[in-house]
Amino acid sequence: MSNCLYMEALMGTPQTPLKSGFGVETSPEEVMAGIDLHQKVAVVTGGHSGIGLETTKALTTAGATVVVGARSVDKAAETLSGLRNVEILPLDLADPASVDGFASGYLRTHMACDILINNAGIMATPLMRDSRGYELQFATNHLGHFQLTLRLWDALIAADNARVVALSSLGHRFSPIHFEDINYAHRDYDPWRAYGQSKTANSLFAVHLDTLGKASGIRGFAVHPGRIPTTDLTRYMTEEEKAAALQATKVGPDYVPSHLKTNPQGASTSLWAATSPQLIGKGGVYCADCDISPIVADDSPDVSGVRRWAIDPDQAARLWDFSLGMID
């Protein structure tokens, strides 16, 4: 092992752009060019709609078998009917029993999991809670995927060089983790700050997963898919909120209002993180536009990078332990 690779293994992957050659308009076809996933098995939560559907399409085109987790198996079956090598299992991320059921169903037929893409999520919902009393965005976006990953851990190890991709968002800038009141029991509820907290959790999850998993060949990545106006995530937004989001001004030379992404373009960073040879030996980083994102100041108006609170290793370890207690 070279000195450079040895130091990276000790210190972790720098949160610094690779200059990958890809960008905001990169397509799945460009990312997946030359990638052969025959004999590989991938799990994509919510892989039947929006960017999840485009992710499933690209993975199956490359030869992978894709197991899709969906709340409605019938709806997923209709959407995925034209694709080969796709399996569908019921999955409600806000229901711990459903998460365990999905994992058990998967492990009955698959020994290994080469790629796990924690894609499904909800955004800016009214205050709702799961059966345990947990705030629903945190429970769905983070805890459900956290539990699923733990249940598939041995299958990820068995894959020998597995990758786990957590869909975060530029929305992580709305809020760090408020450990003293994650579930909004004592503070006023704000749907966007709650969403931001869950997206920060997704990023921190990838950081500590990578720390724990890399010795066993499991690498973790958090990704921001981009601004995608047609995603199902907007179903809880008012028309006024949707219009305001479309007019949001980007700061930085590579981010302007015209850079709204299509669903296929939105899937590209997930696919890049899950398959790119550029990331061999790397992990624990936040990515966007098919590259590792730069770090920006916590008060920066620039939405093109990642805030330190979303990649802080101490906060990541704390969240991991906190989450273990929440799913007991």
C-alpha atoms as a PDB file:
ATOM      1  CA  MET A   1       0.000   0.000   0.000  1.00  0.00           C
ATOM      2  CA  SER A   2       1.400   3.419  -0.915  1.00  0.00           C
ATOM      3  CA  ASN A   3       2.053   5.985   1.815  1.00  0.00           C
ATOM      4  CA  CYS A   4      -0.811   8.108   0.431  1.00  0.00           C
ATOM      5  CA  LEU A   5      -3.307   5.245   0.594  1.00  0.00           C
ATOM      6  CA  TYR A   6      -2.034   4.212   4.021  1.00  0.00           C
ATOM      7  CA  MET A   7      -2.543   7.709   5.435  1.00  0.00           C
ATOM      8  CA  GLU A   8      -6.014   7.882   3.878  1.00  0.00           C
ATOM      9  CA  ALA A   9      -6.920   4.586   5.505  1.00  0.00           C
ATOM     10  CA  LEU A  10      -5.844   5.981   8.879  1.00  0.00           C
ATOM     11  CA  MET A  11      -7.326   9.449   8.559  1.00  0.00           C
ATOM     12  CA  GLY A  12     -10.359   8.824   6.378  1.00  0.00           C
ATOM     13  CA  THR A  13     -11.247  10.194   2.964  1.00  0.00           C
ATOM     14  CA  PRO A  14     -10.795  13.975   2.646  1.00  0.00           C
ATOM     15  CA  GLN A  15     -14.014  15.938   2.129  1.00  0.00           C
ATOM     16  CA  THR A  16     -12.478  17.468  -0.977  1.00  0.00           C
ATOM     17  CA  PRO A  17     -13.684  17.349  -4.609  1.00  0.00           C
ATOM     18  CA  LEU A  18     -11.985  14.775  -6.823  1.00  0.00           C
ATOM     19  CA  LYS A  19     -12.612  16.736 -10.029  1.00  0.00           C
ATOM     20  CA  SER A  20     -14.380  13.636 -11.241  1.00  0.00           C
ATOM     21  CA  GLY A  21     -15.157  14.972 -14.701  1.00  0.00           C
ATOM     22  CA  PHE A  22     -18.887  14.779 -14.080  1.00  0.00           C
ATOM     23  CA  GLY A  23     -21.286  17.561 -13.111  1.00  0.00           C
ATOM     24  CA  VAL A  24     -24.764  18.858 -12.498  1.00  0.00           C
ATOM     25  CA  GLU A  25     -26.152  17.552 -15.810  1.00  0.00           C
ATOM     26  CA  THR A  26     -24.442  14.152 -15.802  1.00  0.00           C
ATOM     27  CA  SER A  27     -26.766  11.342 -16.867  1.00  0.00           C
ATOM     28  CA  PRO A  28     -26.996   7.803 -15.477  1.00  0.00           C
ATOM     29  CA  GLU A  29     -25.707   6.491 -18.803  1.00  0.00           C
ATOM     30  CA  GLU A  30     -22.520   8.543 -18.424  1.00  0.00           C
ATOM     31  CA  VAL A  31     -21.971   7.412 -14.843  1.00  0.00           C
ATOM     32  CA  MET A  32     -22.623   3.754 -15.621  1.00  0.00           C
ATOM     33  CA  ALA A  33     -20.575   3.541 -18.818  1.00  0.00           C
ATOM     34  CA  GLY A  34     -18.361   0.464 -18.549  1.00  0.00           C
ATOM     35  CA  ILE A  35     -19.845  -0.653 -15.194  1.00  0.00           C
ATOM     36  CA  ASP A  36     -20.684  -4.378 -15.098  1.00  0.00           C
ATOM     37  CA  LEU A  37     -22.959  -5.436 -12.233  1.00  0.00           C
ATOM     38  CA  HIS A  38     -23.787  -8.972 -13.336  1.00  0.00           C
ATOM     39  CA  GLN A  39     -23.879 -11.295 -10.315  1.00  0.00           C
ATOM     40  CA  LYS A  40     -24.366  -8.273  -8.039  1.00  0.00           C
ATOM     41  CA  VAL A  41     -27.441  -7.617  -5.897  1.00  0.00           C
ATOM     42  CA  ALA A  42     -28.632  -4.141  -4.929  1.00  0.00           C
ATOM     43  CA  VAL A  43     -31.339  -2.929  -2.564  1.00  0.00           C
ATOM     44  CA  VAL A  44     -33.064   0.359  -3.389  1.00  0.00           C
ATOM     45  CA  THR A  45     -35.671   1.638  -0.967  1.00  0.00           C
ATOM     46  CA  GLY A  46     -38.380   3.502  -2.849  1.00  0.00           C
ATOM     47  CA  GLY A  47     -36.872   2.190  -6.060  1.00  0.00           C
ATOM     48  CA  HIS A  48     -40.166   2.358  -7.929  1.00  0.00           C
ATOM     49  CA  SER A  49     -40.715   6.114  -8.216  1.00  0.00           C
ATOM     50  CA  GLY A  50     -38.863   9.350  -8.916  1.00  0.00           C
ATOM     51  CA  ILE A  51     -35.100   9.144  -8.735  1.00  0.00           C
ATOM     52  CA  GLY A  52     -35.418   5.714  -7.128  1.00  0.00           C
ATOM     53  CA  LEU A  53     -36.995   4.371 -10.292  1.00  0.00           C
ATOM     54  CA  GLU A  54     -34.204   5.838 -12.412  1.00  0.00           C
ATOM     55  CA  THR A  55     -31.677   4.289 -10.043  1.00  0.00           C
ATOM     56  CA  THR A  56     -33.321   0.881 -10.399  1.00  0.00           C
ATOM     57  CA  LYS A  57     -33.386   1.180 -14.191  1.00  0.00           C
ATOM     58  CA  ALA A  58     -29.688   2.017 -14.393  1.00  0.00           C
ATOM     59  CA  LEU A  59     -28.627  -0.754 -12.027  1.00  0.00           C
ATOM     60  CA  THR A  60     -30.623  -3.418 -13.865  1.00  0.00           C
ATOM     61  CA  THR A  61     -29.306  -2.180 -17.211  1.00  0.00           C
ATOM     62  CA  ALA A  62     -25.795  -2.760 -15.845  1.00  0.00           C
ATOM     63  CA  GLY A  63     -26.760  -6.337 -14.974  1.00  0.00           C
ATOM     64  CA  ALA A  64     -27.620  -6.143 -11.288  1.00  0.00           C
ATOM     65  CA  THR A  65     -30.523  -7.829  -9.580  1.00  0.00           C
ATOM     66  CA  VAL A  66     -32.381  -5.073  -7.732  1.00  0.00           C
ATOM     67  CA  VAL A  67     -34.592  -5.657  -4.709  1.00  0.00           C
ATOM     68  CA  VAL A  68     -36.984  -2.750  -4.278  1.00  0.00           C
ATOM     69  CA  GLY A  69     -38.592  -1.893  -0.958  1.00  0.00           C
ATOM     70  CA  ALA A  70     -42.011  -0.280  -1.381  1.00  0.00           C
ATOM     71  CA  ARG A  71     -44.956   0.540   0.850  1.00  0.00           C
ATOM     72  CA  SER A  72     -47.317  -0.564  -1.933  1.00  0.00           C
ATOM     73  CA  VAL A  73     -46.137  -3.717  -3.666  1.00  0.00           C
ATOM     74  CA  ASP A  74     -48.946  -3.469  -6.219  1.00  0.00           C
ATOM     75  CA  LYS A  75     -48.008   0.090  -7.179  1.00  0.00           C
ATOM     76  CA  ALA A  76     -44.347  -0.842  -7.422  1.00  0.00           C
ATOM     77  CA  ALA A  77     -45.123  -3.907  -9.531  1.00  0.00           C
ATOM     78  CA  GLU A  78     -47.066  -1.784 -11.995  1.00  0.00           C
ATOM     79  CA  THR A  79     -44.285   0.779 -12.304  1.00  0.00           C
ATOM     80  CA  LEU A  80     -41.504  -1.797 -12.593  1.00  0.00           C
ATOM     81  CA  SER A  81     -43.343  -4.250 -14.843  1.00  0.00           C
ATOM     82  CA  GLY A  82     -41.102  -3.602 -17.859  1.00  0.00           C
ATOM     83  CA  LEU A  83     -37.818  -4.242 -16.044  1.00  0.00           C
ATOM     84  CA  ARG A  84     -35.955  -7.527 -15.725  1.00  0.00           C
ATOM     85  CA  ASN A  85     -34.116  -8.771 -12.640  1.00  0.00           C
ATOM     86  CA  VAL A  86     -36.270  -6.798 -10.203  1.00  0.00           C
ATOM     87  CA  GLU A  87     -37.774  -8.146  -7.002  1.00  0.00           C
ATOM     88  CA  ILE A  88     -40.219  -6.256  -4.783  1.00  0.00           C
ATOM     89  CA  LEU A  89     -40.699  -6.624  -1.046  1.00  0.00           C
ATOM     90  CA  PRO A  90     -43.024  -4.624   1.203  1.00  0.00           C
ATOM     91  CA  LEU A  91     -41.286  -1.960   3.268  1.00  0.00           C
ATOM     92  CA  ASP A  92     -42.637   0.776   5.510  1.00  0.00           C
ATOM     93  CA  LEU A  93     -39.627   2.544   6.969  1.00  0.00           C
ATOM     94  CA  ALA A  94     -41.683   4.041   9.809  1.00  0.00           C
ATOM     95  CA  ASP A  95     -42.728   0.569  10.996  1.00  0.00           C
ATOM     96  CA  PRO A  96     -39.950  -1.416  12.733  1.00  0.00           C
ATOM     97  CA  ALA A  97     -41.759  -4.710  12.129  1.00  0.00           C
ATOM     98  CA  SER A  98     -41.969  -3.955   8.413  1.00  0.00           C
ATOM     99  CA  VAL A  99     -38.248  -3.163   8.285  1.00  0.00           C
ATOM    100  CA  ASP A 100     -37.429  -6.456   9.971  1.00  0.00           C
ATOM    101  CA  GLY A 101     -39.827  -8.247   7.624  1.00  0.00           C
ATOM    102  CA  PHE A 102     -38.126  -6.785   4.577  1.00  0.00           C
ATOM    103  CA  ALA A 103     -34.694  -7.818   5.844  1.00  0.00           C
ATOM    104  CA  SER A 104     -35.894 -11.345   6.645  1.00  0.00           C
ATOM    105  CA  GLY A 105     -37.471 -11.668   3.211  1.00  0.00           C
ATOM    106  CA  TYR A 106     -34.294 -10.480   1.549  1.00  0.00           C
ATOM    107  CA  LEU A 107     -32.044 -12.828   3.504  1.00  0.00           C
ATOM    108  CA  ARG A 108     -34.199 -15.844   2.653  1.00  0.00           C
ATOM    109  CA  THR A 109     -33.110 -15.576  -0.977  1.00  0.00           C
ATOM    110  CA  HIS A 110     -29.863 -13.569  -0.959  1.00  0.00           C
ATOM    111  CA  MET A 111     -26.678 -14.271   0.937  1.00  0.00           C
ATOM    112  CA  ALA A 112     -25.020 -10.958   0.136  1.00  0.00           C
ATOM    113  CA  CYS A 113     -25.906  -7.330  -0.530  1.00  0.00           C
ATOM    114  CA  ASP A 114     -23.425  -5.562  -2.792  1.00  0.00           C
ATOM    115  CA  ILE A 115     -25.169  -2.182  -2.926  1.00  0.00           C
ATOM    116  CA  LEU A 116     -27.656  -0.680  -0.484  1.00  0.00           C
ATOM    117  CA  ILE A 117     -29.181   2.630  -1.572  1.00  0.00           C
ATOM    118  CA  ASN A 118     -31.277   4.181   1.182  1.00  0.00           C
ATOM    119  CA  ASN A 119     -33.273   6.285  -1.230  1.00  0.00           C
ATOM    120  CA  ALA A 120     -36.827   6.585   0.104  1.00  0.00           C
ATOM    121  CA  GLY A 121     -37.904   9.543   2.182  1.00  0.00           C
ATOM    122  CA  ILE A 122     -40.451  12.181   3.096  1.00  0.00           C
ATOM    123  CA  MET A 123     -40.075  15.961   3.231  1.00  0.00           C
ATOM    124  CA  ALA A 124     -41.581  18.904   5.095  1.00  0.00           C
ATOM    125  CA  THR A 125     -44.535  16.994   6.505  1.00  0.00           C
ATOM    126  CA  PRO A 126     -46.956  18.308   9.099  1.00  0.00           C
ATOM    127  CA  LEU A 127     -46.089  17.121  12.597  1.00  0.00           C
ATOM    128  CA  MET A 128     -46.748  13.395  12.599  1.00  0.00           C
ATOM    129  CA  ARG A 129     -45.381  10.570  14.713  1.00  0.00           C
ATOM    130  CA  ASP A 130     -44.810   6.876  14.276  1.00  0.00           C
ATOM    131  CA  SER A 131     -46.192   4.214  16.599  1.00  0.00           C
ATOM    132  CA  ARG A 132     -43.304   4.781  19.016  1.00  0.00           C
ATOM    133  CA  GLY A 133     -43.989   8.514  19.241  1.00  0.00           C
ATOM    134  CA  TYR A 134     -40.970   9.501  17.159  1.00  0.00           C
ATOM    135  CA  GLU A 135     -41.194  12.485  14.811  1.00  0.00           C
ATOM    136  CA  LEU A 136     -42.038  10.963  11.442  1.00  0.00           C
ATOM    137  CA  GLN A 137     -39.385  12.575   9.205  1.00  0.00           C
ATOM    138  CA  PHE A 138     -36.563  11.490  11.522  1.00  0.00           C
ATOM    139  CA  ALA A 139     -38.149   8.064  11.995  1.00  0.00           C
ATOM    140  CA  THR A 140     -38.628   7.466   8.266  1.00  0.00           C
ATOM    141  CA  ASN A 141     -35.629   9.138   6.688  1.00  0.00           C
ATOM    142  CA  HIS A 142     -33.054   8.092   9.261  1.00  0.00           C
ATOM    143  CA  LEU A 143     -34.176   5.485  11.787  1.00  0.00           C
ATOM    144  CA  GLY A 144     -35.873   3.176   9.298  1.00  0.00           C
ATOM    145  CA  HIS A 145     -32.808   3.104   7.087  1.00  0.00           C
ATOM    146  CA  PHE A 146     -30.529   2.780  10.111  1.00  0.00           C
ATOM    147  CA  GLN A 147     -32.425  -0.301  11.279  1.00  0.00           C
ATOM    148  CA  LEU A 148     -32.522  -1.772   7.766  1.00  0.00           C
ATOM    149  CA  THR A 149     -28.771  -1.380   7.357  1.00  0.00           C
ATOM    150  CA  LEU A 150     -28.083  -3.114  10.661  1.00  0.00           C
ATOM    151  CA  ARG A 151     -30.364  -6.003   9.724  1.00  0.00           C
ATOM    152  CA  LEU A 152     -28.481  -6.411   6.425  1.00  0.00           C
ATOM    153  CA  TRP A 153     -25.024  -5.934   7.966  1.00  0.00           C
ATOM    154  CA  ASP A 154     -23.907  -9.556   7.626  1.00  0.00           C
ATOM    155  CA  ALA A 155     -25.082  -9.577   3.998  1.00  0.00           C
ATOM    156  CA  LEU A 156     -23.055  -6.421   3.355  1.00  0.00           C
ATOM    157  CA  ILE A 157     -19.976  -8.070   4.853  1.00  0.00           C
ATOM    158  CA  ALA A 158     -20.591 -11.178   2.746  1.00  0.00           C
ATOM    159  CA  ALA A 159     -20.546  -9.055  -0.411  1.00  0.00           C
ATOM    160  CA  ASP A 160     -16.869  -8.203   0.125  1.00  0.00           C
ATOM    161  CA  ASN A 161     -16.625  -4.551  -0.950  1.00  0.00           C
ATOM    162  CA  ALA A 162     -20.211  -3.393  -0.427  1.00  0.00           C
ATOM    163  CA  ARG A 163     -21.317   0.216  -0.674  1.00  0.00           C
ATOM    164  CA  VAL A 164     -24.099   1.894   1.277  1.00  0.00           C
ATOM    165  CA  VAL A 165     -25.495   5.147  -0.106  1.00  0.00           C
ATOM    166  CA  ALA A 166     -27.623   7.406   2.082  1.00  0.00           C
ATOM    167  CA  LEU A 167     -29.669  10.087   0.352  1.00  0.00           C
ATOM    168  CA  SER A 168     -29.113  13.283   2.256  1.00  0.00           C
ATOM    169  CA  SER A 169     -29.893  16.728   0.853  1.00  0.00           C
ATOM    170  CA  LEU A 170     -28.729  20.315   0.755  1.00  0.00           C
ATOM    171  CA  GLY A 171     -31.554  20.597   3.298  1.00  0.00           C
ATOM    172  CA  HIS A 172     -29.064  19.407   5.922  1.00  0.00           C
ATOM    173  CA  ARG A 173     -28.151  23.097   6.224  1.00  0.00           C
ATOM    174  CA  PHE A 174     -31.550  23.769   7.848  1.00  0.00           C
ATOM    175  CA  SER A 175     -30.625  22.015  11.091  1.00  0.00           C
ATOM    176  CA  PRO A 176     -27.989  20.037  12.963  1.00  0.00           C
ATOM    177  CA  ILE A 177     -29.103  17.210  15.264  1.00  0.00           C
ATOM    178  CA  HIS A 178     -30.854  18.465  18.393  1.00  0.00           C
ATOM    179  CA  PHE A 179     -30.092  15.555  20.674  1.00  0.00           C
ATOM    180  CA  GLU A 180     -31.892  17.176  23.576  1.00  0.00           C
ATOM    181  CA  ASP A 181     -35.201  17.100  21.653  1.00  0.00           C
ATOM    182  CA  ILE A 182     -34.964  15.139  18.424  1.00  0.00           C
ATOM    183  CA  ASN A 183     -38.675  14.367  18.467  1.00  0.00           C
ATOM    184  CA  TYR A 184     -39.992  17.900  18.998  1.00  0.00           C
ATOM    185  CA  ALA A 185     -41.502  17.088  22.358  1.00  0.00           C
ATOM    186  CA  HIS A 186     -40.591  20.452  23.874  1.00  0.00           C
ATOM    187  CA  ARG A 187     -39.836  22.847  20.998  1.00  0.00           C
ATOM    188  CA  ASP A 188     -42.046  24.303  18.330  1.00  0.00           C
ATOM    189  CA  TYR A 189     -42.267  22.111  15.274  1.00  0.00           C
ATOM    190  CA  ASP A 190     -40.946  23.439  11.990  1.00  0.00           C
ATOM    191  CA  PRO A 191     -41.379  21.040   9.040  1.00  0.00           C
ATOM    192  CA  TRP A 192     -38.289  22.295   7.225  1.00  0.00           C
ATOM    193  CA  ARG A 193     -36.020  22.214  10.255  1.00  0.00           C
ATOM    194  CA  ALA A 194     -37.282  18.715  11.033  1.00  0.00           C
ATOM    195  CA  TYR A 195     -36.508  17.708   7.456  1.00  0.00           C
ATOM    196  CA  GLY A 196     -33.065  19.282   7.758  1.00  0.00           C
ATOM    197  CA  GLN A 197     -32.366  17.380  10.961  1.00  0.00           C
ATOM    198  CA  SER A 198     -33.256  14.098   9.246  1.00  0.00           C
ATOM    199  CA  LYS A 199     -30.991  14.907   6.291  1.00  0.00           C
ATOM    200  CA  THR A 200     -28.121  15.792   8.611  1.00  0.00           C
ATOM    201  CA  ALA A 201     -28.754  12.427  10.245  1.00  0.00           C
ATOM    202  CA  ASN A 202     -28.498  10.688   6.862  1.00  0.00           C
ATOM    203  CA  SER A 203     -25.106  12.266   6.275  1.00  0.00           C
ATOM    204  CA  LEU A 204     -23.777  11.520   9.762  1.00  0.00           C
ATOM    205  CA  PHE A 205     -25.022   7.942   9.388  1.00  0.00           C
ATOM    206  CA  ALA A 206     -22.807   7.489   6.316  1.00  0.00           C
ATOM    207  CA  VAL A 207     -19.813   8.935   8.163  1.00  0.00           C
ATOM    208  CA  HIS A 208     -19.952   6.520  11.089  1.00  0.00           C
ATOM    209  CA  LEU A 209     -21.078   3.558   9.011  1.00  0.00           C
ATOM    210  CA  ASP A 210     -17.904   3.985   6.998  1.00  0.00           C
ATOM    211  CA  THR A 211     -15.823   4.143  10.175  1.00  0.00           C
ATOM    212  CA  LEU A 212     -17.340   0.917  11.471  1.00  0.00           C
ATOM    213  CA  GLY A 213     -17.593  -0.925   8.178  1.00  0.00           C
ATOM    214  CA  LYS A 214     -14.456  -0.227   6.193  1.00  0.00           C
ATOM    215  CA  ALA A 215     -12.421  -2.966   7.888  1.00  0.00           C
ATOM    216  CA  SER A 216     -15.074  -5.395   6.613  1.00  0.00           C
ATOM    217  CA  GLY A 217     -15.160  -3.866   3.143  1.00  0.00           C
ATOM    218  CA  ILE A 218     -18.316  -1.780   3.708  1.00  0.00           C
ATOM    219  CA  ARG A 219     -18.032   1.856   2.589  1.00  0.00           C
ATOM    220  CA  GLY A 220     -20.618   4.550   3.195  1.00  0.00           C
ATOM    221  CA  PHE A 221     -21.511   7.665   1.208  1.00  0.00           C
ATOM    222  CA  ALA A 222     -24.057  10.439   1.659  1.00  0.00           C
ATOM    223  CA  VAL A 223     -25.393  12.117  -1.467  1.00  0.00           C
ATOM    224  CA  HIS A 224     -27.394  15.194  -2.377  1.00  0.00           C
ATOM    225  CA  PRO A 225     -29.302  14.294  -5.563  1.00  0.00           C
ATOM    226  CA  GLY A 226     -29.964  17.896  -6.624  1.00  0.00           C
ATOM    227  CA  ARG A 227     -33.006  20.131  -7.062  1.00  0.00           C
ATOM    228  CA  ILE A 228     -35.664  18.009  -8.766  1.00  0.00           C
ATOM    229  CA  PRO A 229     -39.092  19.649  -9.142  1.00  0.00           C
ATOM    230  CA  THR A 230     -40.918  16.464 -10.196  1.00  0.00           C
ATOM    231  CA  THR A 231     -40.025  14.281  -7.220  1.00  0.00           C
ATOM    232  CA  ASP A 232     -42.726  12.766  -4.988  1.00  0.00           C
ATOM    233  CA  LEU A 233     -41.056  14.509  -2.053  1.00  0.00           C
ATOM    234  CA  THR A 234     -43.011  17.669  -2.858  1.00  0.00           C
ATOM    235  CA  ARG A 235     -46.383  16.077  -2.095  1.00  0.00           C
ATOM    236  CA  TYR A 236     -46.623  17.790   1.303  1.00  0.00           C
ATOM    237  CA  MET A 237     -45.657  21.219  -0.033  1.00  0.00           C
ATOM    238  CA  THR A 238     -48.165  23.928  -0.823  1.00  0.00           C
ATOM    239  CA  GLU A 239     -48.217  25.420  -4.310  1.00  0.00           C
ATOM    240  CA  GLU A 240     -46.700  28.586  -2.856  1.00  0.00           C
ATOM    241  CA  GLU A 241     -43.825  26.607  -1.344  1.00  0.00           C
ATOM    242  CA  LYS A 242     -43.204  24.786  -4.616  1.00  0.00           C
ATOM    243  CA  ALA A 243     -43.128  28.061  -6.540  1.00  0.00           C
ATOM    244  CA  ALA A 244     -40.735  29.597  -4.025  1.00  0.00           C
ATOM    245  CA  ALA A 245     -38.428  26.601  -4.236  1.00  0.00           C
ATOM    246  CA  LEU A 246     -38.280  26.828  -8.016  1.00  0.00           C
ATOM    247  CA  GLN A 247     -37.266  30.480  -7.770  1.00  0.00           C
ATOM    248  CA  ALA A 248     -34.596  29.891  -5.136  1.00  0.00           C
ATOM    249  CA  THR A 249     -31.343  31.594  -6.074  1.00  0.00           C
ATOM    250  CA  LYS A 250     -28.183  29.532  -6.008  1.00  0.00           C
ATOM    251  CA  VAL A 251     -24.897  30.996  -4.851  1.00  0.00           C
ATOM    252  CA  GLY A 252     -21.715  29.966  -6.617  1.00  0.00           C
ATOM    253  CA  PRO A 253     -20.546  29.730 -10.223  1.00  0.00           C
ATOM    254  CA  ASP A 254     -21.922  26.232 -10.786  1.00  0.00           C
ATOM    255  CA  TYR A 255     -25.350  26.764  -9.235  1.00  0.00           C
ATOM    256  CA  VAL A 256     -27.902  28.939 -10.978  1.00  0.00           C
ATOM    257  CA  PRO A 257     -31.710  28.705 -11.125  1.00  0.00           C
ATOM    258  CA  SER A 258     -31.602  26.939 -14.507  1.00  0.00           C
ATOM    259  CA  HIS A 259     -29.858  23.963 -12.901  1.00  0.00           C
ATOM    260  CA  LEU A 260     -32.966  22.085 -11.946  1.00  0.00           C
ATOM    261  CA  LYS A 261     -32.421  18.385 -12.503  1.00  0.00           C
ATOM    262  CA  THR A 262     -34.515  15.763 -14.195  1.00  0.00           C
ATOM    263  CA  ASN A 263     -35.213  12.539 -12.323  1.00  0.00           C
ATOM    264  CA  PRO A 264     -32.505  10.675 -14.277  1.00  0.00           C
ATOM    265  CA  GLN A 265     -29.952  13.407 -13.519  1.00  0.00           C
ATOM    266  CA  GLY A 266     -31.032  13.249  -9.875  1.00  0.00           C
ATOM    267  CA  ALA A 267     -30.192   9.547  -9.761  1.00  0.00           C
ATOM    268  CA  SER A 268     -26.685  10.030 -11.136  1.00  0.00           C
ATOM    269  CA  THR A 269     -24.904  10.893  -7.881  1.00  0.00           C
ATOM    270  CA  SER A 270     -26.423   7.892  -6.086  1.00  0.00           C
ATOM    271  CA  LEU A 271     -25.253   5.670  -8.936  1.00  0.00           C
ATOM    272  CA  TRP A 272     -21.804   7.256  -8.952  1.00  0.00           C
ATOM    273  CA  ALA A 273     -21.401   6.739  -5.208  1.00  0.00           C
ATOM    274  CA  ALA A 274     -22.635   3.150  -5.482  1.00  0.00           C
ATOM    275  CA  THR A 275     -20.486   2.037  -8.419  1.00  0.00           C
ATOM    276  CA  SER A 276     -17.726   4.419  -9.473  1.00  0.00           C
ATOM    277  CA  PRO A 277     -14.161   3.094  -9.553  1.00  0.00           C
ATOM    278  CA  GLN A 278     -13.105   6.653  -8.659  1.00  0.00           C
ATOM    279  CA  LEU A 279     -14.274   5.895  -5.106  1.00  0.00           C
ATOM    280  CA  ILE A 280     -12.416   2.641  -4.562  1.00  0.00           C
ATOM    281  CA  GLY A 281     -10.774   2.834  -1.143  1.00  0.00           C
ATOM    282  CA  LYS A 282     -12.789   5.904  -0.199  1.00  0.00           C
ATOM    283  CA  GLY A 283     -15.861   6.533   1.941  1.00  0.00           C
ATOM    284  CA  GLY A 284     -17.512   8.504   4.698  1.00  0.00           C
ATOM    285  CA  VAL A 285     -18.011  11.615   2.555  1.00  0.00           C
ATOM    286  CA  TYR A 286     -20.900  13.776   1.363  1.00  0.00           C
ATOM    287  CA  CYS A 287     -21.270  13.992  -2.410  1.00  0.00           C
ATOM    288  CA  ALA A 288     -23.226  16.028  -4.961  1.00  0.00           C
ATOM    289  CA  ASP A 289     -23.150  16.330  -8.749  1.00  0.00           C
ATOM    290  CA  CYS A 290     -21.111  13.115  -8.994  1.00  0.00           C
ATOM    291  CA  ASP A 291     -18.203  14.369  -6.937  1.00  0.00           C
ATOM    292  CA  ILE A 292     -17.181  14.812  -3.324  1.00  0.00           C
ATOM    293  CA  SER A 293     -18.501  18.151  -2.083  1.00  0.00           C
ATOM    294  CA  PRO A 294     -16.380  20.898  -0.533  1.00  0.00           C
ATOM    295  CA  ILE A 295     -16.835  21.963   3.078  1.00  0.00           C
ATOM    296  CA  VAL A 296     -18.466  25.361   3.591  1.00  0.00           C
ATOM    297  CA  ALA A 297     -18.912  27.467   6.711  1.00  0.00           C
ATOM    298  CA  ASP A 298     -21.970  26.790   8.847  1.00  0.00           C
ATOM    299  CA  ASP A 299     -23.313  30.267   8.095  1.00  0.00           C
ATOM    300  CA  SER A 300     -22.434  30.242   4.395  1.00  0.00           C
ATOM    301  CA  PRO A 301     -25.270  31.042   1.960  1.00  0.00           C
ATOM    302  CA  ASP A 302     -23.601  28.722  -0.567  1.00  0.00           C
ATOM    303  CA  VAL A 303     -25.706  25.590  -1.073  1.00  0.00           C
ATOM    304  CA  SER A 304     -23.082  23.817  -3.162  1.00  0.00           C
ATOM    305  CA  GLY A 305     -21.155  22.343  -0.228  1.00  0.00           C
ATOM    306  CA  VAL A 306     -21.612  20.526   3.051  1.00  0.00           C
ATOM    307  CA  ARG A 307     -21.773  22.052   6.528  1.00  0.00           C
ATOM    308  CA  ARG A 308     -19.329  20.676   9.054  1.00  0.00           C
ATOM    309  CA  TRP A 309     -22.099  19.540  11.389  1.00  0.00           C
ATOM    310  CA  ALA A 310     -23.207  16.997   8.777  1.00  0.00           C
ATOM    311  CA  ILE A 311     -19.804  15.302   8.554  1.00  0.00           C
ATOM    312  CA  ASP A 312     -18.515  15.692  12.130  1.00  0.00           C
ATOM    313  CA  PRO A 313     -17.193  12.273  13.236  1.00  0.00           C
ATOM    314  CA  ASP A 314     -17.945  12.853  16.919  1.00  0.00           C
ATOM    315  CA  GLN A 315     -21.539  13.833  16.145  1.00  0.00           C
ATOM    316  CA  ALA A 316     -21.771  10.833  13.823  1.00  0.00           C
ATOM    317  CA  ALA A 317     -20.668   8.430  16.557  1.00  0.00           C
ATOM    318  CA  ARG A 318     -23.063  10.060  19.026  1.00  0.00           C
ATOM    319  CA  LEU A 319     -25.964   9.746  16.608  1.00  0.00           C
ATOM    320  CA  TRP A 320     -25.155   6.092  15.928  1.00  0.00           C
ATOM    321  CA  ASP A 321     -25.261   5.246  19.643  1.00  0.00           C
ATOM    322  CA  PHE A 322     -28.382   7.378  20.135  1.00  0.00           C
ATOM    323  CA  SER A 323     -30.090   5.613  17.251  1.00  0.00           C
ATOM    324  CA  LEU A 324     -29.260   2.188  18.651  1.00  0.00           C
ATOM    325  CA  GLY A 325     -31.177   3.152  21.780  1.00  0.00           C
ATOM    326  CA  MET A 326     -34.126   4.401  19.756  1.00  0.00           C
ATOM    327  CA  ILE A 327     -34.628   1.131  17.847  1.00  0.00           C
ATOM    328  CA  ASP A 328     -34.263  -1.190  20.855  1.00  0.00           C
END
